[in-house]
Amino acid sequence: MSTSDKPGAPGFASFRDFYPFYLGEHSNRTSRRLHVSGTLLALALAVAALVTGRLMLLWAVPVAGYAFAWTGHYFFERNRPATFTHPLYSLWGDLTMMVEVLTGRRPW
């Protein structure tokens, strides 16, 4: 059962199937650090926007997350972000990897 609409892109029946692929696309240490930093910054911006009521900050949430992540992919991993073919699984993967890094279950 494929979740991909794009010909040639790997399909995944579940996040459990997707996550090993995701980790393989993030094997470079610098890329992982950029992803975690971007995810943390995006979350901090979202919280700040909601807490302060400055909702204009919300435009910066995806910019911060994607800028760091795509820099990691293009310059360190030299691969194409899975966001283009699996956007929801990729977001879930970013959050999962961040939690694993912050809890010491995955190398930083």
PDB file of N, CA and C in Angstrom:
ATOM      1  N   MET A   1       0.848  -1.174   0.000  1.00  0.00           N
ATOM      2  CA  MET A   1       0.000   0.000   0.000  1.00  0.00           C
ATOM      3  C   MET A   1       0.895   1.238   0.000  1.00  0.00           C
ATOM      4  N   SER A   2       0.851   2.013  -1.048  1.00  0.00           N
ATOM      5  CA  SER A   2       1.713   3.177  -1.199  1.00  0.00           C
ATOM      6  C   SER A   2       1.007   4.456  -0.769  1.00  0.00           C
ATOM      7  N   THR A   3       1.759   5.318  -0.085  1.00  0.00           N
ATOM      8  CA  THR A   3       1.202   6.618   0.304  1.00  0.00           C
ATOM      9  C   THR A   3       1.725   7.718  -0.607  1.00  0.00           C
ATOM     10  N   SER A   4       2.535   7.339  -1.592  1.00  0.00           N
ATOM     11  CA  SER A   4       3.143   8.344  -2.449  1.00  0.00           C
ATOM     12  C   SER A   4       2.346   8.552  -3.723  1.00  0.00           C
ATOM     13  N   ASP A   5       2.164   9.801  -4.114  1.00  0.00           N
ATOM     14  CA  ASP A   5       1.499  10.133  -5.370  1.00  0.00           C
ATOM     15  C   ASP A   5       2.506  10.300  -6.495  1.00  0.00           C
ATOM     16  N   LYS A   6       3.769  10.300  -6.173  1.00  0.00           N
ATOM     17  CA  LYS A   6       4.807  10.594  -7.142  1.00  0.00           C
ATOM     18  C   LYS A   6       5.410   9.297  -7.677  1.00  0.00           C
ATOM     19  N   PRO A   7       5.419   9.099  -8.997  1.00  0.00           N
ATOM     20  CA  PRO A   7       6.008   7.881  -9.550  1.00  0.00           C
ATOM     21  C   PRO A   7       7.476   7.750  -9.167  1.00  0.00           C
ATOM     22  N   GLY A   8       7.886   6.570  -8.774  1.00  0.00           N
ATOM     23  CA  GLY A   8       9.274   6.310  -8.414  1.00  0.00           C
ATOM     24  C   GLY A   8       9.622   6.606  -6.971  1.00  0.00           C
ATOM     25  N   ALA A   9       8.779   7.344  -6.255  1.00  0.00           N
ATOM     26  CA  ALA A   9       9.040   7.645  -4.848  1.00  0.00           C
ATOM     27  C   ALA A   9       8.638   6.432  -4.013  1.00  0.00           C
ATOM     28  N   PRO A  10       9.428   6.106  -2.977  1.00  0.00           N
ATOM     29  CA  PRO A  10       9.060   4.960  -2.154  1.00  0.00           C
ATOM     30  C   PRO A  10       7.741   5.209  -1.430  1.00  0.00           C
ATOM     31  N   GLY A  11       6.916   4.188  -1.379  1.00  0.00           N
ATOM     32  CA  GLY A  11       5.647   4.298  -0.669  1.00  0.00           C
ATOM     33  C   GLY A  11       5.758   3.634   0.694  1.00  0.00           C
ATOM     34  N   PHE A  12       5.002   4.108   1.639  1.00  0.00           N
ATOM     35  CA  PHE A  12       5.051   3.585   2.998  1.00  0.00           C
ATOM     36  C   PHE A  12       3.638   3.397   3.511  1.00  0.00           C
ATOM     37  N   ALA A  13       3.381   2.241   4.107  1.00  0.00           N
ATOM     38  CA  ALA A  13       2.056   1.941   4.633  1.00  0.00           C
ATOM     39  C   ALA A  13       1.823   2.598   5.985  1.00  0.00           C
ATOM     40  N   SER A  14       2.908   2.956   6.690  1.00  0.00           N
ATOM     41  CA  SER A  14       2.769   3.535   8.023  1.00  0.00           C
ATOM     42  C   SER A  14       4.023   4.334   8.356  1.00  0.00           C
ATOM     43  N   PHE A  15       3.916   5.133   9.425  1.00  0.00           N
ATOM     44  CA  PHE A  15       5.091   5.864   9.887  1.00  0.00           C
ATOM     45  C   PHE A  15       6.174   4.891  10.331  1.00  0.00           C
ATOM     46  N   ARG A  16       5.787   3.788  10.910  1.00  0.00           N
ATOM     47  CA  ARG A  16       6.757   2.769  11.346  1.00  0.00           C
ATOM     48  C   ARG A  16       7.589   2.278  10.153  1.00  0.00           C
ATOM     49  N   ASP A  17       6.963   2.155   8.997  1.00  0.00           N
ATOM     50  CA  ASP A  17       7.689   1.765   7.780  1.00  0.00           C
ATOM     51  C   ASP A  17       8.557   2.911   7.258  1.00  0.00           C
ATOM     52  N   PHE A  18       8.067   4.137   7.411  1.00  0.00           N
ATOM     53  CA  PHE A  18       8.754   5.313   6.894  1.00  0.00           C
ATOM     54  C   PHE A  18       9.987   5.689   7.708  1.00  0.00           C
ATOM     55  N   TYR A  19       9.936   5.541   9.037  1.00  0.00           N
ATOM     56  CA  TYR A  19      10.979   6.087   9.908  1.00  0.00           C
ATOM     57  C   TYR A  19      12.382   5.546   9.623  1.00  0.00           C
ATOM     58  N   PRO A  20      12.570   4.254   9.348  1.00  0.00           N
ATOM     59  CA  PRO A  20      13.931   3.807   8.992  1.00  0.00           C
ATOM     60  C   PRO A  20      14.455   4.503   7.728  1.00  0.00           C
ATOM     61  N   PHE A  21      13.588   4.717   6.752  1.00  0.00           N
ATOM     62  CA  PHE A  21      13.977   5.472   5.555  1.00  0.00           C
ATOM     63  C   PHE A  21      14.375   6.889   5.947  1.00  0.00           C
ATOM     64  N   TYR A  22      13.563   7.530   6.774  1.00  0.00           N
ATOM     65  CA  TYR A  22      13.822   8.894   7.242  1.00  0.00           C
ATOM     66  C   TYR A  22      15.191   8.973   7.918  1.00  0.00           C
ATOM     67  N   LEU A  23      15.473   8.031   8.806  1.00  0.00           N
ATOM     68  CA  LEU A  23      16.759   8.041   9.511  1.00  0.00           C
ATOM     69  C   LEU A  23      17.926   7.866   8.541  1.00  0.00           C
ATOM     70  N   GLY A  24      17.733   7.044   7.532  1.00  0.00           N
ATOM     71  CA  GLY A  24      18.778   6.858   6.525  1.00  0.00           C
ATOM     72  C   GLY A  24      19.068   8.127   5.745  1.00  0.00           C
ATOM     73  N   GLU A  25      18.058   8.957   5.587  1.00  0.00           N
ATOM     74  CA  GLU A  25      18.213  10.233   4.889  1.00  0.00           C
ATOM     75  C   GLU A  25      18.810  11.308   5.792  1.00  0.00           C
ATOM     76  N   HIS A  26      19.029  10.976   7.067  1.00  0.00           N
ATOM     77  CA  HIS A  26      19.569  11.920   8.047  1.00  0.00           C
ATOM     78  C   HIS A  26      20.752  11.297   8.787  1.00  0.00           C
ATOM     79  N   SER A  27      21.621  10.633   8.054  1.00  0.00           N
ATOM     80  CA  SER A  27      22.750   9.941   8.680  1.00  0.00           C
ATOM     81  C   SER A  27      23.908  10.884   9.003  1.00  0.00           C
ATOM     82  N   ASN A  28      23.964  12.026   8.347  1.00  0.00           N
ATOM     83  CA  ASN A  28      25.034  12.991   8.585  1.00  0.00           C
ATOM     84  C   ASN A  28      24.779  13.753   9.887  1.00  0.00           C
ATOM     85  N   ARG A  29      25.782  13.797  10.734  1.00  0.00           N
ATOM     86  CA  ARG A  29      25.657  14.420  12.060  1.00  0.00           C
ATOM     87  C   ARG A  29      25.284  15.903  11.968  1.00  0.00           C
ATOM     88  N   THR A  30      25.914  16.620  11.064  1.00  0.00           N
ATOM     89  CA  THR A  30      25.617  18.048  10.920  1.00  0.00           C
ATOM     90  C   THR A  30      24.178  18.249  10.452  1.00  0.00           C
ATOM     91  N   SER A  31      23.739  17.411   9.540  1.00  0.00           N
ATOM     92  CA  SER A  31      22.362  17.498   9.064  1.00  0.00           C
ATOM     93  C   SER A  31      21.372  17.254  10.204  1.00  0.00           C
ATOM     94  N   ARG A  32      21.630  16.249  11.036  1.00  0.00           N
ATOM     95  CA  ARG A  32      20.752  15.987  12.191  1.00  0.00           C
ATOM     96  C   ARG A  32      20.731  17.186  13.126  1.00  0.00           C
ATOM     97  N   ARG A  33      21.890  17.768  13.366  1.00  0.00           N
ATOM     98  CA  ARG A  33      21.959  18.935  14.246  1.00  0.00           C
ATOM     99  C   ARG A  33      21.167  20.110  13.672  1.00  0.00           C
ATOM    100  N   LEU A  34      21.268  20.305  12.376  1.00  0.00           N
ATOM    101  CA  LEU A  34      20.501  21.372  11.737  1.00  0.00           C
ATOM    102  C   LEU A  34      19.000  21.099  11.838  1.00  0.00           C
ATOM    103  N   HIS A  35      18.606  19.846  11.623  1.00  0.00           N
ATOM    104  CA  HIS A  35      17.191  19.490  11.721  1.00  0.00           C
ATOM    105  C   HIS A  35      16.652  19.744  13.134  1.00  0.00           C
ATOM    106  N   VAL A  36      17.380  19.272  14.114  1.00  0.00           N
ATOM    107  CA  VAL A  36      16.921  19.436  15.499  1.00  0.00           C
ATOM    108  C   VAL A  36      16.881  20.916  15.865  1.00  0.00           C
ATOM    109  N   SER A  37      17.889  21.670  15.463  1.00  0.00           N
ATOM    110  CA  SER A  37      17.911  23.107  15.747  1.00  0.00           C
ATOM    111  C   SER A  37      16.740  23.815  15.081  1.00  0.00           C
ATOM    112  N   GLY A  38      16.484  23.497  13.824  1.00  0.00           N
ATOM    113  CA  GLY A  38      15.375  24.113  13.109  1.00  0.00           C
ATOM    114  C   GLY A  38      14.027  23.750  13.712  1.00  0.00           C
ATOM    115  N   THR A  39      13.872  22.497  14.114  1.00  0.00           N
ATOM    116  CA  THR A  39      12.617  22.057  14.725  1.00  0.00           C
ATOM    117  C   THR A  39      12.405  22.757  16.060  1.00  0.00           C
ATOM    118  N   LEU A  40      13.455  22.850  16.869  1.00  0.00           N
ATOM    119  CA  LEU A  40      13.339  23.551  18.154  1.00  0.00           C
ATOM    120  C   LEU A  40      13.018  25.026  17.955  1.00  0.00           C
ATOM    121  N   LEU A  41      13.671  25.658  16.998  1.00  0.00           N
ATOM    122  CA  LEU A  41      13.403  27.071  16.722  1.00  0.00           C
ATOM    123  C   LEU A  41      11.974  27.259  16.239  1.00  0.00           C
ATOM    124  N   ALA A  42      11.505  26.391  15.358  1.00  0.00           N
ATOM    125  CA  ALA A  42      10.132  26.487  14.860  1.00  0.00           C
ATOM    126  C   ALA A  42       9.129  26.328  16.002  1.00  0.00           C
ATOM    127  N   LEU A  43       9.370  25.373  16.880  1.00  0.00           N
ATOM    128  CA  LEU A  43       8.473  25.185  18.028  1.00  0.00           C
ATOM    129  C   LEU A  43       8.511  26.391  18.960  1.00  0.00           C
ATOM    130  N   ALA A  44       9.698  26.941  19.203  1.00  0.00           N
ATOM    131  CA  ALA A  44       9.822  28.119  20.065  1.00  0.00           C
ATOM    132  C   ALA A  44       9.076  29.313  19.463  1.00  0.00           C
ATOM    133  N   LEU A  45       9.188  29.495  18.166  1.00  0.00           N
ATOM    134  CA  LEU A  45       8.471  30.593  17.504  1.00  0.00           C
ATOM    135  C   LEU A  45       6.960  30.411  17.602  1.00  0.00           C
ATOM    136  N   ALA A  46       6.501  29.180  17.428  1.00  0.00           N
ATOM    137  CA  ALA A  46       5.059  28.911  17.526  1.00  0.00           C
ATOM    138  C   ALA A  46       4.550  29.204  18.937  1.00  0.00           C
ATOM    139  N   VAL A  47       5.293  28.754  19.929  1.00  0.00           N
ATOM    140  CA  VAL A  47       4.891  29.001  21.319  1.00  0.00           C
ATOM    141  C   VAL A  47       4.918  30.499  21.615  1.00  0.00           C
ATOM    142  N   ALA A  48       5.981  31.174  21.184  1.00  0.00           N
ATOM    143  CA  ALA A  48       6.093  32.617  21.419  1.00  0.00           C
ATOM    144  C   ALA A  48       4.932  33.365  20.768  1.00  0.00           C
ATOM    145  N   ALA A  49       4.575  32.977  19.557  1.00  0.00           N
ATOM    146  CA  ALA A  49       3.465  33.638  18.862  1.00  0.00           C
ATOM    147  C   ALA A  49       2.162  33.458  19.627  1.00  0.00           C
ATOM    148  N   LEU A  50       1.930  32.264  20.121  1.00  0.00           N
ATOM    149  CA  LEU A  50       0.680  31.987  20.834  1.00  0.00           C
ATOM    150  C   LEU A  50       0.649  32.625  22.220  1.00  0.00           C
ATOM    151  N   VAL A  51       1.779  32.596  22.923  1.00  0.00           N
ATOM    152  CA  VAL A  51       1.835  33.150  24.276  1.00  0.00           C
ATOM    153  C   VAL A  51       1.741  34.680  24.263  1.00  0.00           C
ATOM    154  N   THR A  52       2.426  35.300  23.313  1.00  0.00           N
ATOM    155  CA  THR A  52       2.444  36.768  23.274  1.00  0.00           C
ATOM    156  C   THR A  52       1.293  37.355  22.462  1.00  0.00           C
ATOM    157  N   GLY A  53       0.618  36.517  21.702  1.00  0.00           N
ATOM    158  CA  GLY A  53      -0.446  37.013  20.847  1.00  0.00           C
ATOM    159  C   GLY A  53       0.062  37.653  19.567  1.00  0.00           C
ATOM    160  N   ARG A  54       1.357  37.582  19.339  1.00  0.00           N
ATOM    161  CA  ARG A  54       1.954  38.146  18.111  1.00  0.00           C
ATOM    162  C   ARG A  54       1.891  37.084  17.010  1.00  0.00           C
ATOM    163  N   LEU A  55       0.710  36.897  16.477  1.00  0.00           N
ATOM    164  CA  LEU A  55       0.472  35.823  15.508  1.00  0.00           C
ATOM    165  C   LEU A  55       1.236  35.998  14.202  1.00  0.00           C
ATOM    166  N   MET A  56       1.735  37.194  13.949  1.00  0.00           N
ATOM    167  CA  MET A  56       2.569  37.412  12.756  1.00  0.00           C
ATOM    168  C   MET A  56       3.847  36.567  12.810  1.00  0.00           C
ATOM    169  N   LEU A  57       4.252  36.164  14.015  1.00  0.00           N
ATOM    170  CA  LEU A  57       5.429  35.298  14.142  1.00  0.00           C
ATOM    171  C   LEU A  57       5.206  33.924  13.515  1.00  0.00           C
ATOM    172  N   LEU A  58       3.959  33.546  13.348  1.00  0.00           N
ATOM    173  CA  LEU A  58       3.668  32.213  12.825  1.00  0.00           C
ATOM    174  C   LEU A  58       4.188  32.004  11.402  1.00  0.00           C
ATOM    175  N   TRP A  59       4.321  33.074  10.629  1.00  0.00           N
ATOM    176  CA  TRP A  59       4.866  32.920   9.281  1.00  0.00           C
ATOM    177  C   TRP A  59       6.300  32.398   9.333  1.00  0.00           C
ATOM    178  N   ALA A  60       7.010  32.700  10.418  1.00  0.00           N
ATOM    179  CA  ALA A  60       8.411  32.308  10.541  1.00  0.00           C
ATOM    180  C   ALA A  60       8.591  30.843  10.943  1.00  0.00           C
ATOM    181  N   VAL A  61       7.534  30.203  11.404  1.00  0.00           N
ATOM    182  CA  VAL A  61       7.644  28.814  11.866  1.00  0.00           C
ATOM    183  C   VAL A  61       8.121  27.888  10.741  1.00  0.00           C
ATOM    184  N   PRO A  62       7.420  27.814   9.607  1.00  0.00           N
ATOM    185  CA  PRO A  62       7.916  26.915   8.560  1.00  0.00           C
ATOM    186  C   PRO A  62       9.231  27.386   7.944  1.00  0.00           C
ATOM    187  N   VAL A  63       9.424  28.699   7.887  1.00  0.00           N
ATOM    188  CA  VAL A  63      10.674  29.230   7.332  1.00  0.00           C
ATOM    189  C   VAL A  63      11.861  28.745   8.161  1.00  0.00           C
ATOM    190  N   ALA A  64      11.762  28.851   9.474  1.00  0.00           N
ATOM    191  CA  ALA A  64      12.846  28.427  10.358  1.00  0.00           C
ATOM    192  C   ALA A  64      13.091  26.923  10.235  1.00  0.00           C
ATOM    193  N   GLY A  65      12.028  26.159  10.304  1.00  0.00           N
ATOM    194  CA  GLY A  65      12.183  24.707  10.221  1.00  0.00           C
ATOM    195  C   GLY A  65      12.774  24.258   8.900  1.00  0.00           C
ATOM    196  N   TYR A  66      12.219  24.757   7.801  1.00  0.00           N
ATOM    197  CA  TYR A  66      12.687  24.326   6.484  1.00  0.00           C
ATOM    198  C   TYR A  66      14.072  24.860   6.154  1.00  0.00           C
ATOM    199  N   ALA A  67      14.388  26.079   6.540  1.00  0.00           N
ATOM    200  CA  ALA A  67      15.711  26.645   6.227  1.00  0.00           C
ATOM    201  C   ALA A  67      16.825  25.779   6.801  1.00  0.00           C
ATOM    202  N   PHE A  68      16.694  25.391   8.053  1.00  0.00           N
ATOM    203  CA  PHE A  68      17.715  24.553   8.682  1.00  0.00           C
ATOM    204  C   PHE A  68      17.738  23.160   8.059  1.00  0.00           C
ATOM    205  N   ALA A  69      16.556  22.554   7.913  1.00  0.00           N
ATOM    206  CA  ALA A  69      16.476  21.189   7.405  1.00  0.00           C
ATOM    207  C   ALA A  69      16.981  21.085   5.969  1.00  0.00           C
ATOM    208  N   TRP A  70      16.544  21.982   5.112  1.00  0.00           N
ATOM    209  CA  TRP A  70      16.946  21.900   3.718  1.00  0.00           C
ATOM    210  C   TRP A  70      18.421  22.221   3.532  1.00  0.00           C
ATOM    211  N   THR A  71      18.975  23.061   4.387  1.00  0.00           N
ATOM    212  CA  THR A  71      20.424  23.289   4.352  1.00  0.00           C
ATOM    213  C   THR A  71      21.150  21.976   4.637  1.00  0.00           C
ATOM    214  N   GLY A  72      20.666  21.240   5.629  1.00  0.00           N
ATOM    215  CA  GLY A  72      21.258  19.939   5.946  1.00  0.00           C
ATOM    216  C   GLY A  72      21.179  18.962   4.795  1.00  0.00           C
ATOM    217  N   HIS A  73      20.030  18.932   4.123  1.00  0.00           N
ATOM    218  CA  HIS A  73      19.877  18.003   3.000  1.00  0.00           C
ATOM    219  C   HIS A  73      20.752  18.384   1.818  1.00  0.00           C
ATOM    220  N   TYR A  74      20.709  19.628   1.420  1.00  0.00           N
ATOM    221  CA  TYR A  74      21.402  20.043   0.208  1.00  0.00           C
ATOM    222  C   TYR A  74      22.920  20.098   0.359  1.00  0.00           C
ATOM    223  N   PHE A  75      23.422  20.515   1.513  1.00  0.00           N
ATOM    224  CA  PHE A  75      24.858  20.706   1.658  1.00  0.00           C
ATOM    225  C   PHE A  75      25.581  19.573   2.385  1.00  0.00           C
ATOM    226  N   PHE A  76      24.870  18.806   3.199  1.00  0.00           N
ATOM    227  CA  PHE A  76      25.539  17.767   3.981  1.00  0.00           C
ATOM    228  C   PHE A  76      25.086  16.361   3.606  1.00  0.00           C
ATOM    229  N   GLU A  77      23.804  16.144   3.450  1.00  0.00           N
ATOM    230  CA  GLU A  77      23.304  14.823   3.059  1.00  0.00           C
ATOM    231  C   GLU A  77      23.393  14.627   1.550  1.00  0.00           C
ATOM    232  N   ARG A  78      23.257  15.721   0.827  1.00  0.00           N
ATOM    233  CA  ARG A  78      23.221  15.705  -0.633  1.00  0.00           C
ATOM    234  C   ARG A  78      22.093  14.802  -1.153  1.00  0.00           C
ATOM    235  N   ASN A  79      20.916  14.981  -0.552  1.00  0.00           N
ATOM    236  CA  ASN A  79      19.741  14.257  -0.993  1.00  0.00           C
ATOM    237  C   ASN A  79      18.533  15.198  -1.002  1.00  0.00           C
ATOM    238  N   ARG A  80      17.435  14.706  -1.483  1.00  0.00           N
ATOM    239  CA  ARG A  80      16.217  15.507  -1.597  1.00  0.00           C
ATOM    240  C   ARG A  80      15.351  15.271  -0.363  1.00  0.00           C
ATOM    241  N   PRO A  81      14.901  16.333   0.294  1.00  0.00           N
ATOM    242  CA  PRO A  81      14.075  16.158   1.488  1.00  0.00           C
ATOM    243  C   PRO A  81      12.820  15.331   1.202  1.00  0.00           C
ATOM    244  N   ALA A  82      12.494  14.434   2.119  1.00  0.00           N
ATOM    245  CA  ALA A  82      11.287  13.615   1.981  1.00  0.00           C
ATOM    246  C   ALA A  82      10.022  14.456   2.130  1.00  0.00           C
ATOM    247  N   THR A  83      10.168  15.692   2.570  1.00  0.00           N
ATOM    248  CA  THR A  83       9.034  16.608   2.702  1.00  0.00           C
ATOM    249  C   THR A  83       8.288  16.730   1.375  1.00  0.00           C
ATOM    250  N   PHE A  84       9.010  16.631   0.269  1.00  0.00           N
ATOM    251  CA  PHE A  84       8.393  16.805  -1.038  1.00  0.00           C
ATOM    252  C   PHE A  84       7.458  15.645  -1.398  1.00  0.00           C
ATOM    253  N   THR A  85       7.742  14.465  -0.884  1.00  0.00           N
ATOM    254  CA  THR A  85       6.912  13.302  -1.219  1.00  0.00           C
ATOM    255  C   THR A  85       6.081  12.797  -0.046  1.00  0.00           C
ATOM    256  N   HIS A  86       6.528  13.052   1.172  1.00  0.00           N
ATOM    257  CA  HIS A  86       5.842  12.572   2.377  1.00  0.00           C
ATOM    258  C   HIS A  86       5.826  13.666   3.448  1.00  0.00           C
ATOM    259  N   PRO A  87       5.094  14.758   3.230  1.00  0.00           N
ATOM    260  CA  PRO A  87       5.178  15.903   4.144  1.00  0.00           C
ATOM    261  C   PRO A  87       4.766  15.605   5.586  1.00  0.00           C
ATOM    262  N   LEU A  88       3.695  14.869   5.793  1.00  0.00           N
ATOM    263  CA  LEU A  88       3.258  14.607   7.173  1.00  0.00           C
ATOM    264  C   LEU A  88       4.186  13.629   7.881  1.00  0.00           C
ATOM    265  N   TYR A  89       4.585  12.570   7.193  1.00  0.00           N
ATOM    266  CA  TYR A  89       5.540  11.632   7.794  1.00  0.00           C
ATOM    267  C   TYR A  89       6.869  12.335   8.079  1.00  0.00           C
ATOM    268  N   SER A  90       7.279  13.255   7.222  1.00  0.00           N
ATOM    269  CA  SER A  90       8.534  13.982   7.445  1.00  0.00           C
ATOM    270  C   SER A  90       8.460  14.857   8.684  1.00  0.00           C
ATOM    271  N   LEU A  91       7.339  15.550   8.854  1.00  0.00           N
ATOM    272  CA  LEU A  91       7.156  16.363  10.060  1.00  0.00           C
ATOM    273  C   LEU A  91       7.178  15.475  11.294  1.00  0.00           C
ATOM    274  N   TRP A  92       6.475  14.368  11.245  1.00  0.00           N
ATOM    275  CA  TRP A  92       6.457  13.408  12.346  1.00  0.00           C
ATOM    276  C   TRP A  92       7.875  12.886  12.603  1.00  0.00           C
ATOM    277  N   GLY A  93       8.613  12.618  11.526  1.00  0.00           N
ATOM    278  CA  GLY A  93       9.994  12.159  11.661  1.00  0.00           C
ATOM    279  C   GLY A  93      10.877  13.212  12.319  1.00  0.00           C
ATOM    280  N   ASP A  94      10.706  14.479  11.918  1.00  0.00           N
ATOM    281  CA  ASP A  94      11.482  15.570  12.532  1.00  0.00           C
ATOM    282  C   ASP A  94      11.236  15.630  14.032  1.00  0.00           C
ATOM    283  N   LEU A  95       9.970  15.558  14.410  1.00  0.00           N
ATOM    284  CA  LEU A  95       9.627  15.631  15.838  1.00  0.00           C
ATOM    285  C   LEU A  95      10.133  14.406  16.598  1.00  0.00           C
ATOM    286  N   THR A  96      10.006  13.236  15.991  1.00  0.00           N
ATOM    287  CA  THR A  96      10.472  12.005  16.629  1.00  0.00           C
ATOM    288  C   THR A  96      11.984  12.026  16.805  1.00  0.00           C
ATOM    289  N   MET A  97      12.706  12.403  15.748  1.00  0.00           N
ATOM    290  CA  MET A  97      14.166  12.451  15.833  1.00  0.00           C
ATOM    291  C   MET A  97      14.605  13.487  16.865  1.00  0.00           C
ATOM    292  N   MET A  98      13.929  14.636  16.925  1.00  0.00           N
ATOM    293  CA  MET A  98      14.268  15.663  17.909  1.00  0.00           C
ATOM    294  C   MET A  98      14.130  15.108  19.329  1.00  0.00           C
ATOM    295  N   VAL A  99      13.014  14.433  19.594  1.00  0.00           N
ATOM    296  CA  VAL A  99      12.797  13.858  20.925  1.00  0.00           C
ATOM    297  C   VAL A  99      13.873  12.813  21.225  1.00  0.00           C
ATOM    298  N   GLU A 100      14.195  11.987  20.254  1.00  0.00           N
ATOM    299  CA  GLU A 100      15.230  10.962  20.463  1.00  0.00           C
ATOM    300  C   GLU A 100      16.593  11.594  20.737  1.00  0.00           C
ATOM    301  N   VAL A 101      16.922  12.666  20.029  1.00  0.00           N
ATOM    302  CA  VAL A 101      18.200  13.352  20.260  1.00  0.00           C
ATOM    303  C   VAL A 101      18.208  13.991  21.651  1.00  0.00           C
ATOM    304  N   LEU A 102      17.121  14.675  21.999  1.00  0.00           N
ATOM    305  CA  LEU A 102      17.063  15.373  23.291  1.00  0.00           C
ATOM    306  C   LEU A 102      17.048  14.412  24.484  1.00  0.00           C
ATOM    307  N   THR A 103      16.559  13.203  24.282  1.00  0.00           N
ATOM    308  CA  THR A 103      16.519  12.218  25.365  1.00  0.00           C
ATOM    309  C   THR A 103      17.742  11.295  25.336  1.00  0.00           C
ATOM    310  N   GLY A 104      18.654  11.519  24.391  1.00  0.00           N
ATOM    311  CA  GLY A 104      19.876  10.723  24.333  1.00  0.00           C
ATOM    312  C   GLY A 104      19.720   9.376  23.636  1.00  0.00           C
ATOM    313  N   ARG A 105      18.585   9.114  23.037  1.00  0.00           N
ATOM    314  CA  ARG A 105      18.376   7.841  22.350  1.00  0.00           C
ATOM    315  C   ARG A 105      18.961   7.832  20.951  1.00  0.00           C
ATOM    316  N   ARG A 106      19.295   9.010  20.415  1.00  0.00           N
ATOM    317  CA  ARG A 106      19.901   9.118  19.091  1.00  0.00           C
ATOM    318  C   ARG A 106      21.066  10.079  19.207  1.00  0.00           C
ATOM    319  N   PRO A 107      22.185   9.782  18.521  1.00  0.00           N
ATOM    320  CA  PRO A 107      23.367  10.667  18.623  1.00  0.00           C
ATOM    321  C   PRO A 107      23.062  12.071  18.115  1.00  0.00           C
ATOM    322  N   TRP A 108      23.594  13.040  18.798  1.00  0.00           N
ATOM    323  CA  TRP A 108      23.461  14.451  18.449  1.00  0.00           C
ATOM    324  C   TRP A 108      24.578  14.773  17.525  1.00  0.00           C
TER     325      TRP A 108
END
